[in-house]
Amino acid sequence: MRRKGLFSLIIRVLTTAIVLGIAAFFTPGFLITGGFGNLIAAAIFIGLFSWGAKTILGIRLSPFGAGASGYLITAMALYLAKYIVPGFTISVTGALIGALVLGIVDKVIPGRRFK
């Protein structure tokens, strides 16, 4: 059973990294340099931030999962990642637009990445 949970976690991190790459490509003011490793680091940070938000606030971290608060928390996670992840550059406007792009991709791609 533990093996299945670890596999699910790895798939979630990889999917989030790909979604972040898509969001960075389409969002002005949002740039991730340094390759896929930095995407993985950002996905892990956002996953930990998501877990903390869910634990403390009791909401799901998805731009559309919790309405305006979920959207703003996602934007905050993106903006704070610039201080933690090397090669992650984002402006406030980029974080707001990026959260919107993440929400759209989250709705299009089946599965739950932001739990």
PDB file of N, CA and C in Angstrom:
ATOM      1  N   MET A   1       0.828  -1.192   0.000  1.00  0.00           N
ATOM      2  CA  MET A   1       0.000   0.000   0.000  1.00  0.00           C
ATOM      3  C   MET A   1       0.873   1.258   0.000  1.00  0.00           C
ATOM      4  N   ARG A   2       1.961   1.226   0.744  1.00  0.00           N
ATOM      5  CA  ARG A   2       2.848   2.381   0.817  1.00  0.00           C
ATOM      6  C   ARG A   2       3.452   2.688  -0.548  1.00  0.00           C
ATOM      7  N   ARG A   3       3.735   1.664  -1.314  1.00  0.00           N
ATOM      8  CA  ARG A   3       4.326   1.832  -2.624  1.00  0.00           C
ATOM      9  C   ARG A   3       3.395   2.606  -3.554  1.00  0.00           C
ATOM     10  N   LYS A   4       2.110   2.312  -3.479  1.00  0.00           N
ATOM     11  CA  LYS A   4       1.133   3.002  -4.302  1.00  0.00           C
ATOM     12  C   LYS A   4       1.068   4.489  -3.947  1.00  0.00           C
ATOM     13  N   GLY A   5       1.157   4.818  -2.675  1.00  0.00           N
ATOM     14  CA  GLY A   5       1.143   6.214  -2.235  1.00  0.00           C
ATOM     15  C   GLY A   5       2.358   6.978  -2.734  1.00  0.00           C
ATOM     16  N   LEU A   6       3.523   6.337  -2.707  1.00  0.00           N
ATOM     17  CA  LEU A   6       4.745   6.974  -3.194  1.00  0.00           C
ATOM     18  C   LEU A   6       4.664   7.195  -4.698  1.00  0.00           C
ATOM     19  N   PHE A   7       4.162   6.221  -5.438  1.00  0.00           N
ATOM     20  CA  PHE A   7       3.998   6.357  -6.882  1.00  0.00           C
ATOM     21  C   PHE A   7       3.038   7.501  -7.202  1.00  0.00           C
ATOM     22  N   SER A   8       1.953   7.588  -6.468  1.00  0.00           N
ATOM     23  CA  SER A   8       0.981   8.656  -6.663  1.00  0.00           C
ATOM     24  C   SER A   8       1.617  10.021  -6.404  1.00  0.00           C
ATOM     25  N   LEU A   9       2.439  10.117  -5.364  1.00  0.00           N
ATOM     26  CA  LEU A   9       3.123  11.366  -5.041  1.00  0.00           C
ATOM     27  C   LEU A   9       4.088  11.767  -6.153  1.00  0.00           C
ATOM     28  N   ILE A  10       4.838  10.809  -6.679  1.00  0.00           N
ATOM     29  CA  ILE A  10       5.788  11.088  -7.753  1.00  0.00           C
ATOM     30  C   ILE A  10       5.046  11.570  -9.000  1.00  0.00           C
ATOM     31  N   ILE A  11       3.949  10.909  -9.338  1.00  0.00           N
ATOM     32  CA  ILE A  11       3.155  11.312 -10.508  1.00  0.00           C
ATOM     33  C   ILE A  11       2.597  12.713 -10.303  1.00  0.00           C
ATOM     34  N   ARG A  12       2.126  13.022  -9.102  1.00  0.00           N
ATOM     35  CA  ARG A  12       1.573  14.344  -8.815  1.00  0.00           C
ATOM     36  C   ARG A  12       2.639  15.429  -8.953  1.00  0.00           C
ATOM     37  N   VAL A  13       3.859  15.159  -8.460  1.00  0.00           N
ATOM     38  CA  VAL A  13       4.941  16.147  -8.561  1.00  0.00           C
ATOM     39  C   VAL A  13       5.334  16.343 -10.023  1.00  0.00           C
ATOM     40  N   LEU A  14       5.451  15.264 -10.780  1.00  0.00           N
ATOM     41  CA  LEU A  14       5.800  15.377 -12.199  1.00  0.00           C
ATOM     42  C   LEU A  14       4.727  16.133 -12.978  1.00  0.00           C
ATOM     43  N   THR A  15       3.469  15.834 -12.702  1.00  0.00           N
ATOM     44  CA  THR A  15       2.376  16.520 -13.390  1.00  0.00           C
ATOM     45  C   THR A  15       2.363  18.005 -13.047  1.00  0.00           C
ATOM     46  N   THR A  16       2.568  18.322 -11.787  1.00  0.00           N
ATOM     47  CA  THR A  16       2.610  19.720 -11.379  1.00  0.00           C
ATOM     48  C   THR A  16       3.772  20.445 -12.048  1.00  0.00           C
ATOM     49  N   ALA A  17       4.921  19.782 -12.157  1.00  0.00           N
ATOM     50  CA  ALA A  17       6.074  20.393 -12.822  1.00  0.00           C
ATOM     51  C   ALA A  17       5.757  20.698 -14.287  1.00  0.00           C
ATOM     52  N   ILE A  18       5.099  19.774 -14.957  1.00  0.00           N
ATOM     53  CA  ILE A  18       4.741  19.996 -16.364  1.00  0.00           C
ATOM     54  C   ILE A  18       3.739  21.141 -16.484  1.00  0.00           C
ATOM     55  N   VAL A  19       2.767  21.183 -15.581  1.00  0.00           N
ATOM     56  CA  VAL A  19       1.773  22.255 -15.593  1.00  0.00           C
ATOM     57  C   VAL A  19       2.443  23.607 -15.324  1.00  0.00           C
ATOM     58  N   LEU A  20       3.417  23.637 -14.427  1.00  0.00           N
ATOM     59  CA  LEU A  20       4.153  24.880 -14.175  1.00  0.00           C
ATOM     60  C   LEU A  20       4.912  25.327 -15.427  1.00  0.00           C
ATOM     61  N   GLY A  21       5.491  24.383 -16.136  1.00  0.00           N
ATOM     62  CA  GLY A  21       6.181  24.711 -17.380  1.00  0.00           C
ATOM     63  C   GLY A  21       5.234  25.295 -18.413  1.00  0.00           C
ATOM     64  N   ILE A  22       4.044  24.715 -18.521  1.00  0.00           N
ATOM     65  CA  ILE A  22       3.025  25.234 -19.440  1.00  0.00           C
ATOM     66  C   ILE A  22       2.608  26.635 -19.021  1.00  0.00           C
ATOM     67  N   ALA A  23       2.372  26.806 -17.717  1.00  0.00           N
ATOM     68  CA  ALA A  23       1.957  28.120 -17.212  1.00  0.00           C
ATOM     69  C   ALA A  23       3.046  29.166 -17.451  1.00  0.00           C
ATOM     70  N   ALA A  24       4.307  28.806 -17.241  1.00  0.00           N
ATOM     71  CA  ALA A  24       5.404  29.756 -17.451  1.00  0.00           C
ATOM     72  C   ALA A  24       5.520  30.132 -18.925  1.00  0.00           C
ATOM     73  N   PHE A  25       5.247  29.179 -19.810  1.00  0.00           N
ATOM     74  CA  PHE A  25       5.328  29.452 -21.240  1.00  0.00           C
ATOM     75  C   PHE A  25       4.271  30.467 -21.684  1.00  0.00           C
ATOM     76  N   PHE A  26       3.065  30.359 -21.128  1.00  0.00           N
ATOM     77  CA  PHE A  26       1.955  31.208 -21.559  1.00  0.00           C
ATOM     78  C   PHE A  26       1.789  32.495 -20.745  1.00  0.00           C
ATOM     79  N   THR A  27       2.543  32.655 -19.682  1.00  0.00           N
ATOM     80  CA  THR A  27       2.324  33.776 -18.778  1.00  0.00           C
ATOM     81  C   THR A  27       3.444  34.805 -18.879  1.00  0.00           C
ATOM     82  N   PRO A  28       3.095  36.060 -19.205  1.00  0.00           N
ATOM     83  CA  PRO A  28       4.124  37.109 -19.193  1.00  0.00           C
ATOM     84  C   PRO A  28       4.550  37.408 -17.752  1.00  0.00           C
ATOM     85  N   GLY A  29       5.828  37.643 -17.560  1.00  0.00           N
ATOM     86  CA  GLY A  29       6.335  37.930 -16.226  1.00  0.00           C
ATOM     87  C   GLY A  29       6.582  36.682 -15.400  1.00  0.00           C
ATOM     88  N   PHE A  30       6.595  35.509 -16.038  1.00  0.00           N
ATOM     89  CA  PHE A  30       6.781  34.233 -15.354  1.00  0.00           C
ATOM     90  C   PHE A  30       7.817  33.451 -16.147  1.00  0.00           C
ATOM     91  N   LEU A  31       8.987  33.195 -15.539  1.00  0.00           N
ATOM     92  CA  LEU A  31      10.080  32.535 -16.232  1.00  0.00           C
ATOM     93  C   LEU A  31      10.733  31.524 -15.294  1.00  0.00           C
ATOM     94  N   ILE A  32      10.942  30.320 -15.809  1.00  0.00           N
ATOM     95  CA  ILE A  32      11.665  29.302 -15.056  1.00  0.00           C
ATOM     96  C   ILE A  32      12.856  28.885 -15.901  1.00  0.00           C
ATOM     97  N   THR A  33      14.059  29.128 -15.378  1.00  0.00           N
ATOM     98  CA  THR A  33      15.283  28.745 -16.082  1.00  0.00           C
ATOM     99  C   THR A  33      15.984  27.648 -15.299  1.00  0.00           C
ATOM    100  N   GLY A  34      16.889  26.965 -15.955  1.00  0.00           N
ATOM    101  CA  GLY A  34      17.670  25.952 -15.260  1.00  0.00           C
ATOM    102  C   GLY A  34      17.187  24.538 -15.498  1.00  0.00           C
ATOM    103  N   GLY A  35      16.196  24.354 -16.327  1.00  0.00           N
ATOM    104  CA  GLY A  35      15.776  23.016 -16.700  1.00  0.00           C
ATOM    105  C   GLY A  35      14.691  22.410 -15.838  1.00  0.00           C
ATOM    106  N   PHE A  36      14.499  21.119 -16.077  1.00  0.00           N
ATOM    107  CA  PHE A  36      13.399  20.399 -15.436  1.00  0.00           C
ATOM    108  C   PHE A  36      13.606  20.257 -13.927  1.00  0.00           C
ATOM    109  N   GLY A  37      14.847  20.288 -13.479  1.00  0.00           N
ATOM    110  CA  GLY A  37      15.124  20.193 -12.040  1.00  0.00           C
ATOM    111  C   GLY A  37      14.489  21.333 -11.255  1.00  0.00           C
ATOM    112  N   ASN A  38      14.547  22.530 -11.814  1.00  0.00           N
ATOM    113  CA  ASN A  38      13.917  23.668 -11.149  1.00  0.00           C
ATOM    114  C   ASN A  38      12.399  23.575 -11.191  1.00  0.00           C
ATOM    115  N   LEU A  39      11.857  22.984 -12.263  1.00  0.00           N
ATOM    116  CA  LEU A  39      10.414  22.749 -12.307  1.00  0.00           C
ATOM    117  C   LEU A  39      10.006  21.765 -11.210  1.00  0.00           C
ATOM    118  N   ILE A  40      10.812  20.727 -11.019  1.00  0.00           N
ATOM    119  CA  ILE A  40      10.531  19.741  -9.961  1.00  0.00           C
ATOM    120  C   ILE A  40      10.615  20.407  -8.587  1.00  0.00           C
ATOM    121  N   ALA A  41      11.651  21.244  -8.375  1.00  0.00           N
ATOM    122  CA  ALA A  41      11.801  21.942  -7.096  1.00  0.00           C
ATOM    123  C   ALA A  41      10.608  22.858  -6.838  1.00  0.00           C
ATOM    124  N   ALA A  42      10.161  23.569  -7.870  1.00  0.00           N
ATOM    125  CA  ALA A  42       8.996  24.443  -7.718  1.00  0.00           C
ATOM    126  C   ALA A  42       7.741  23.632  -7.434  1.00  0.00           C
ATOM    127  N   ALA A  43       7.587  22.498  -8.104  1.00  0.00           N
ATOM    128  CA  ALA A  43       6.423  21.644  -7.875  1.00  0.00           C
ATOM    129  C   ALA A  43       6.411  21.108  -6.440  1.00  0.00           C
ATOM    130  N   ILE A  44       7.577  20.746  -5.932  1.00  0.00           N
ATOM    131  CA  ILE A  44       7.666  20.265  -4.547  1.00  0.00           C
ATOM    132  C   ILE A  44       7.315  21.390  -3.583  1.00  0.00           C
ATOM    133  N   PHE A  45       7.862  22.596  -3.827  1.00  0.00           N
ATOM    134  CA  PHE A  45       7.535  23.725  -2.955  1.00  0.00           C
ATOM    135  C   PHE A  45       6.037  24.025  -2.967  1.00  0.00           C
ATOM    136  N   ILE A  46       5.445  24.062  -4.154  1.00  0.00           N
ATOM    137  CA  ILE A  46       4.020  24.362  -4.252  1.00  0.00           C
ATOM    138  C   ILE A  46       3.201  23.251  -3.610  1.00  0.00           C
ATOM    139  N   GLY A  47       3.654  22.015  -3.743  1.00  0.00           N
ATOM    140  CA  GLY A  47       2.978  20.900  -3.081  1.00  0.00           C
ATOM    141  C   GLY A  47       3.022  21.029  -1.565  1.00  0.00           C
ATOM    142  N   LEU A  48       4.185  21.390  -1.032  1.00  0.00           N
ATOM    143  CA  LEU A  48       4.302  21.591   0.423  1.00  0.00           C
ATOM    144  C   LEU A  48       3.461  22.784   0.880  1.00  0.00           C
ATOM    145  N   PHE A  49       3.478  23.842   0.092  1.00  0.00           N
ATOM    146  CA  PHE A  49       2.669  25.014   0.413  1.00  0.00           C
ATOM    147  C   PHE A  49       1.182  24.649   0.391  1.00  0.00           C
ATOM    148  N   SER A  50       0.807  23.835  -0.596  1.00  0.00           N
ATOM    149  CA  SER A  50      -0.571  23.364  -0.720  1.00  0.00           C
ATOM    150  C   SER A  50      -0.975  22.546   0.504  1.00  0.00           C
ATOM    151  N   TRP A  51      -0.094  21.644   0.889  1.00  0.00           N
ATOM    152  CA  TRP A  51      -0.369  20.806   2.063  1.00  0.00           C
ATOM    153  C   TRP A  51      -0.526  21.680   3.314  1.00  0.00           C
ATOM    154  N   GLY A  52       0.345  22.668   3.463  1.00  0.00           N
ATOM    155  CA  GLY A  52       0.252  23.563   4.615  1.00  0.00           C
ATOM    156  C   GLY A  52      -1.030  24.382   4.607  1.00  0.00           C
ATOM    157  N   ALA A  53      -1.414  24.872   3.429  1.00  0.00           N
ATOM    158  CA  ALA A  53      -2.651  25.656   3.333  1.00  0.00           C
ATOM    159  C   ALA A  53      -3.861  24.792   3.654  1.00  0.00           C
ATOM    160  N   LYS A  54      -3.848  23.556   3.164  1.00  0.00           N
ATOM    161  CA  LYS A  54      -4.967  22.660   3.434  1.00  0.00           C
ATOM    162  C   LYS A  54      -5.031  22.322   4.924  1.00  0.00           C
ATOM    163  N   THR A  55      -3.882  22.104   5.527  1.00  0.00           N
ATOM    164  CA  THR A  55      -3.826  21.749   6.944  1.00  0.00           C
ATOM    165  C   THR A  55      -4.243  22.921   7.829  1.00  0.00           C
ATOM    166  N   ILE A  56      -3.699  24.094   7.560  1.00  0.00           N
ATOM    167  CA  ILE A  56      -3.963  25.251   8.416  1.00  0.00           C
ATOM    168  C   ILE A  56      -5.330  25.877   8.128  1.00  0.00           C
ATOM    169  N   LEU A  57      -5.625  26.084   6.848  1.00  0.00           N
ATOM    170  CA  LEU A  57      -6.854  26.786   6.494  1.00  0.00           C
ATOM    171  C   LEU A  57      -8.025  25.867   6.193  1.00  0.00           C
ATOM    172  N   GLY A  58      -7.733  24.606   5.909  1.00  0.00           N
ATOM    173  CA  GLY A  58      -8.797  23.660   5.610  1.00  0.00           C
ATOM    174  C   GLY A  58      -9.388  23.814   4.222  1.00  0.00           C
ATOM    175  N   ILE A  59      -8.619  24.386   3.280  1.00  0.00           N
ATOM    176  CA  ILE A  59      -9.114  24.536   1.913  1.00  0.00           C
ATOM    177  C   ILE A  59      -8.179  23.824   0.951  1.00  0.00           C
ATOM    178  N   ARG A  60      -8.691  23.516  -0.208  1.00  0.00           N
ATOM    179  CA  ARG A  60      -7.918  22.855  -1.248  1.00  0.00           C
ATOM    180  C   ARG A  60      -7.214  23.927  -2.073  1.00  0.00           C
ATOM    181  N   LEU A  61      -5.905  23.757  -2.288  1.00  0.00           N
ATOM    182  CA  LEU A  61      -5.135  24.749  -3.039  1.00  0.00           C
ATOM    183  C   LEU A  61      -5.281  24.485  -4.524  1.00  0.00           C
ATOM    184  N   SER A  62      -6.284  25.064  -5.096  1.00  0.00           N
ATOM    185  CA  SER A  62      -6.501  25.051  -6.532  1.00  0.00           C
ATOM    186  C   SER A  62      -7.081  26.412  -6.863  1.00  0.00           C
ATOM    187  N   PRO A  63      -6.687  26.982  -7.964  1.00  0.00           N
ATOM    188  CA  PRO A  63      -7.207  28.304  -8.281  1.00  0.00           C
ATOM    189  C   PRO A  63      -8.728  28.361  -8.312  1.00  0.00           C
ATOM    190  N   PHE A  64      -9.392  27.271  -8.647  1.00  0.00           N
ATOM    191  CA  PHE A  64     -10.840  27.270  -8.691  1.00  0.00           C
ATOM    192  C   PHE A  64     -11.449  26.394  -7.602  1.00  0.00           C
ATOM    193  N   GLY A  65     -10.620  25.693  -6.837  1.00  0.00           N
ATOM    194  CA  GLY A  65     -11.123  24.773  -5.821  1.00  0.00           C
ATOM    195  C   GLY A  65     -11.733  25.466  -4.624  1.00  0.00           C
ATOM    196  N   ALA A  66     -11.297  26.661  -4.342  1.00  0.00           N
ATOM    197  CA  ALA A  66     -11.804  27.367  -3.173  1.00  0.00           C
ATOM    198  C   ALA A  66     -12.170  28.805  -3.517  1.00  0.00           C
ATOM    199  N   GLY A  67     -12.544  29.043  -4.764  1.00  0.00           N
ATOM    200  CA  GLY A  67     -12.956  30.375  -5.169  1.00  0.00           C
ATOM    201  C   GLY A  67     -11.808  31.363  -5.142  1.00  0.00           C
ATOM    202  N   ALA A  68     -12.120  32.563  -4.709  1.00  0.00           N
ATOM    203  CA  ALA A  68     -11.122  33.635  -4.691  1.00  0.00           C
ATOM    204  C   ALA A  68      -9.967  33.322  -3.749  1.00  0.00           C
ATOM    205  N   SER A  69     -10.256  32.684  -2.623  1.00  0.00           N
ATOM    206  CA  SER A  69      -9.172  32.382  -1.685  1.00  0.00           C
ATOM    207  C   SER A  69      -8.208  31.354  -2.276  1.00  0.00           C
ATOM    208  N   GLY A  70      -8.711  30.345  -2.967  1.00  0.00           N
ATOM    209  CA  GLY A  70      -7.835  29.367  -3.613  1.00  0.00           C
ATOM    210  C   GLY A  70      -6.990  30.001  -4.700  1.00  0.00           C
ATOM    211  N   TYR A  71      -7.594  30.907  -5.453  1.00  0.00           N
ATOM    212  CA  TYR A  71      -6.881  31.627  -6.503  1.00  0.00           C
ATOM    213  C   TYR A  71      -5.754  32.460  -5.899  1.00  0.00           C
ATOM    214  N   LEU A  72      -6.043  33.204  -4.850  1.00  0.00           N
ATOM    215  CA  LEU A  72      -5.036  34.061  -4.229  1.00  0.00           C
ATOM    216  C   LEU A  72      -3.941  33.256  -3.542  1.00  0.00           C
ATOM    217  N   ILE A  73      -4.290  32.127  -2.942  1.00  0.00           N
ATOM    218  CA  ILE A  73      -3.279  31.281  -2.310  1.00  0.00           C
ATOM    219  C   ILE A  73      -2.354  30.688  -3.364  1.00  0.00           C
ATOM    220  N   THR A  74      -2.910  30.293  -4.515  1.00  0.00           N
ATOM    221  CA  THR A  74      -2.079  29.784  -5.600  1.00  0.00           C
ATOM    222  C   THR A  74      -1.140  30.870  -6.106  1.00  0.00           C
ATOM    223  N   ALA A  75      -1.643  32.072  -6.277  1.00  0.00           N
ATOM    224  CA  ALA A  75      -0.803  33.188  -6.710  1.00  0.00           C
ATOM    225  C   ALA A  75       0.295  33.457  -5.680  1.00  0.00           C
ATOM    226  N   MET A  76      -0.045  33.377  -4.403  1.00  0.00           N
ATOM    227  CA  MET A  76       0.945  33.587  -3.348  1.00  0.00           C
ATOM    228  C   MET A  76       2.007  32.490  -3.374  1.00  0.00           C
ATOM    229  N   ALA A  77       1.593  31.236  -3.590  1.00  0.00           N
ATOM    230  CA  ALA A  77       2.550  30.129  -3.667  1.00  0.00           C
ATOM    231  C   ALA A  77       3.511  30.341  -4.830  1.00  0.00           C
ATOM    232  N   LEU A  78       2.985  30.774  -5.968  1.00  0.00           N
ATOM    233  CA  LEU A  78       3.839  31.039  -7.121  1.00  0.00           C
ATOM    234  C   LEU A  78       4.823  32.166  -6.828  1.00  0.00           C
ATOM    235  N   TYR A  79       4.330  33.228  -6.220  1.00  0.00           N
ATOM    236  CA  TYR A  79       5.200  34.373  -5.942  1.00  0.00           C
ATOM    237  C   TYR A  79       6.278  34.023  -4.911  1.00  0.00           C
ATOM    238  N   LEU A  80       5.918  33.283  -3.874  1.00  0.00           N
ATOM    239  CA  LEU A  80       6.890  32.909  -2.846  1.00  0.00           C
ATOM    240  C   LEU A  80       7.930  31.928  -3.367  1.00  0.00           C
ATOM    241  N   ALA A  81       7.569  31.156  -4.386  1.00  0.00           N
ATOM    242  CA  ALA A  81       8.512  30.190  -4.958  1.00  0.00           C
ATOM    243  C   ALA A  81       9.736  30.892  -5.540  1.00  0.00           C
ATOM    244  N   LYS A  82       9.591  32.141  -5.944  1.00  0.00           N
ATOM    245  CA  LYS A  82      10.742  32.855  -6.512  1.00  0.00           C
ATOM    246  C   LYS A  82      11.840  33.067  -5.479  1.00  0.00           C
ATOM    247  N   TYR A  83      11.484  33.058  -4.191  1.00  0.00           N
ATOM    248  CA  TYR A  83      12.480  33.221  -3.135  1.00  0.00           C
ATOM    249  C   TYR A  83      13.104  31.890  -2.710  1.00  0.00           C
ATOM    250  N   ILE A  84      12.497  30.795  -3.071  1.00  0.00           N
ATOM    251  CA  ILE A  84      12.950  29.476  -2.632  1.00  0.00           C
ATOM    252  C   ILE A  84      13.638  28.710  -3.760  1.00  0.00           C
ATOM    253  N   VAL A  85      13.085  28.775  -4.960  1.00  0.00           N
ATOM    254  CA  VAL A  85      13.553  27.957  -6.084  1.00  0.00           C
ATOM    255  C   VAL A  85      14.500  28.776  -6.963  1.00  0.00           C
ATOM    256  N   PRO A  86      15.728  28.290  -7.171  1.00  0.00           N
ATOM    257  CA  PRO A  86      16.638  29.016  -8.067  1.00  0.00           C
ATOM    258  C   PRO A  86      16.130  28.965  -9.509  1.00  0.00           C
ATOM    259  N   GLY A  87      16.285  30.066 -10.219  1.00  0.00           N
ATOM    260  CA  GLY A  87      15.857  30.125 -11.610  1.00  0.00           C
ATOM    261  C   GLY A  87      14.377  30.382 -11.792  1.00  0.00           C
ATOM    262  N   PHE A  88      13.664  30.628 -10.704  1.00  0.00           N
ATOM    263  CA  PHE A  88      12.218  30.868 -10.752  1.00  0.00           C
ATOM    264  C   PHE A  88      12.013  32.371 -10.610  1.00  0.00           C
ATOM    265  N   THR A  89      11.579  33.019 -11.674  1.00  0.00           N
ATOM    266  CA  THR A  89      11.369  34.462 -11.680  1.00  0.00           C
ATOM    267  C   THR A  89       9.913  34.735 -12.010  1.00  0.00           C
ATOM    268  N   ILE A  90       9.277  35.531 -11.160  1.00  0.00           N
ATOM    269  CA  ILE A  90       7.866  35.841 -11.397  1.00  0.00           C
ATOM    270  C   ILE A  90       7.547  37.195 -10.776  1.00  0.00           C
ATOM    271  N   SER A  91       6.724  37.958 -11.462  1.00  0.00           N
ATOM    272  CA  SER A  91       6.259  39.242 -10.935  1.00  0.00           C
ATOM    273  C   SER A  91       4.910  39.019 -10.257  1.00  0.00           C
ATOM    274  N   VAL A  92       4.419  40.037  -9.581  1.00  0.00           N
ATOM    275  CA  VAL A  92       3.101  39.929  -8.944  1.00  0.00           C
ATOM    276  C   VAL A  92       2.030  39.694 -10.005  1.00  0.00           C
ATOM    277  N   THR A  93       2.109  40.455 -11.089  1.00  0.00           N
ATOM    278  CA  THR A  93       1.155  40.261 -12.180  1.00  0.00           C
ATOM    279  C   THR A  93       1.303  38.870 -12.782  1.00  0.00           C
ATOM    280  N   GLY A  94       2.544  38.421 -12.953  1.00  0.00           N
ATOM    281  CA  GLY A  94       2.793  37.081 -13.468  1.00  0.00           C
ATOM    282  C   GLY A  94       2.219  36.006 -12.563  1.00  0.00           C
ATOM    283  N   ALA A  95       2.307  36.215 -11.240  1.00  0.00           N
ATOM    284  CA  ALA A  95       1.741  35.247 -10.295  1.00  0.00           C
ATOM    285  C   ALA A  95       0.223  35.200 -10.409  1.00  0.00           C
ATOM    286  N   LEU A  96      -0.397  36.364 -10.563  1.00  0.00           N
ATOM    287  CA  LEU A  96      -1.861  36.394 -10.697  1.00  0.00           C
ATOM    288  C   LEU A  96      -2.320  35.738 -11.998  1.00  0.00           C
ATOM    289  N   ILE A  97      -1.619  36.059 -13.098  1.00  0.00           N
ATOM    290  CA  ILE A  97      -1.974  35.433 -14.382  1.00  0.00           C
ATOM    291  C   ILE A  97      -1.608  33.951 -14.361  1.00  0.00           C
ATOM    292  N   GLY A  98      -0.460  33.617 -13.771  1.00  0.00           N
ATOM    293  CA  GLY A  98      -0.035  32.223 -13.675  1.00  0.00           C
ATOM    294  C   GLY A  98      -1.017  31.366 -12.883  1.00  0.00           C
ATOM    295  N   ALA A  99      -1.575  31.928 -11.814  1.00  0.00           N
ATOM    296  CA  ALA A  99      -2.578  31.195 -11.033  1.00  0.00           C
ATOM    297  C   ALA A  99      -3.815  30.923 -11.875  1.00  0.00           C
ATOM    298  N   LEU A 100      -4.170  31.879 -12.721  1.00  0.00           N
ATOM    299  CA  LEU A 100      -5.306  31.684 -13.623  1.00  0.00           C
ATOM    300  C   LEU A 100      -5.004  30.589 -14.646  1.00  0.00           C
ATOM    301  N   VAL A 101      -3.787  30.621 -15.226  1.00  0.00           N
ATOM    302  CA  VAL A 101      -3.392  29.588 -16.185  1.00  0.00           C
ATOM    303  C   VAL A 101      -3.354  28.220 -15.509  1.00  0.00           C
ATOM    304  N   LEU A 102      -2.799  28.149 -14.293  1.00  0.00           N
ATOM    305  CA  LEU A 102      -2.784  26.884 -13.551  1.00  0.00           C
ATOM    306  C   LEU A 102      -4.198  26.372 -13.304  1.00  0.00           C
ATOM    307  N   GLY A 103      -5.100  27.265 -12.999  1.00  0.00           N
ATOM    308  CA  GLY A 103      -6.488  26.865 -12.780  1.00  0.00           C
ATOM    309  C   GLY A 103      -7.131  26.316 -14.035  1.00  0.00           C
ATOM    310  N   ILE A 104      -6.855  26.951 -15.159  1.00  0.00           N
ATOM    311  CA  ILE A 104      -7.413  26.477 -16.433  1.00  0.00           C
ATOM    312  C   ILE A 104      -6.843  25.108 -16.776  1.00  0.00           C
ATOM    313  N   VAL A 105      -5.515  24.956 -16.649  1.00  0.00           N
ATOM    314  CA  VAL A 105      -4.894  23.666 -16.944  1.00  0.00           C
ATOM    315  C   VAL A 105      -5.374  22.605 -15.956  1.00  0.00           C
ATOM    316  N   ASP A 106      -5.584  22.994 -14.701  1.00  0.00           N
ATOM    317  CA  ASP A 106      -6.082  22.072 -13.682  1.00  0.00           C
ATOM    318  C   ASP A 106      -7.464  21.545 -14.055  1.00  0.00           C
ATOM    319  N   LYS A 107      -8.270  22.370 -14.692  1.00  0.00           N
ATOM    320  CA  LYS A 107      -9.602  21.940 -15.119  1.00  0.00           C
ATOM    321  C   LYS A 107      -9.543  21.079 -16.377  1.00  0.00           C
ATOM    322  N   VAL A 108      -8.577  21.356 -17.265  1.00  0.00           N
ATOM    323  CA  VAL A 108      -8.489  20.633 -18.532  1.00  0.00           C
ATOM    324  C   VAL A 108      -7.875  19.244 -18.350  1.00  0.00           C
ATOM    325  N   ILE A 109      -6.787  19.154 -17.574  1.00  0.00           N
ATOM    326  CA  ILE A 109      -6.107  17.875 -17.365  1.00  0.00           C
ATOM    327  C   ILE A 109      -6.812  17.144 -16.226  1.00  0.00           C
ATOM    328  N   PRO A 110      -7.266  15.922 -16.475  1.00  0.00           N
ATOM    329  CA  PRO A 110      -7.951  15.191 -15.419  1.00  0.00           C
ATOM    330  C   PRO A 110      -7.006  14.812 -14.287  1.00  0.00           C
ATOM    331  N   GLY A 111      -7.551  14.648 -13.104  1.00  0.00           N
ATOM    332  CA  GLY A 111      -6.776  14.278 -11.917  1.00  0.00           C
ATOM    333  C   GLY A 111      -6.665  15.451 -10.969  1.00  0.00           C
ATOM    334  N   ARG A 112      -6.173  15.168  -9.804  1.00  0.00           N
ATOM    335  CA  ARG A 112      -6.011  16.199  -8.774  1.00  0.00           C
ATOM    336  C   ARG A 112      -4.539  16.360  -8.449  1.00  0.00           C
ATOM    337  N   ARG A 113      -3.957  17.485  -8.867  1.00  0.00           N
ATOM    338  CA  ARG A 113      -2.576  17.769  -8.554  1.00  0.00           C
ATOM    339  C   ARG A 113      -2.435  18.592  -7.300  1.00  0.00           C
ATOM    340  N   PHE A 114      -3.359  19.497  -7.061  1.00  0.00           N
ATOM    341  CA  PHE A 114      -3.241  20.436  -5.952  1.00  0.00           C
ATOM    342  C   PHE A 114      -4.155  19.968  -4.819  1.00  0.00           C
ATOM    343  N   LYS A 115      -3.670  19.031  -4.034  1.00  0.00           N
ATOM    344  CA  LYS A 115      -4.488  18.527  -2.921  1.00  0.00           C
ATOM    345  C   LYS A 115      -3.921  18.999  -1.624  1.00  0.00           C
TER     346      LYS A 115
END
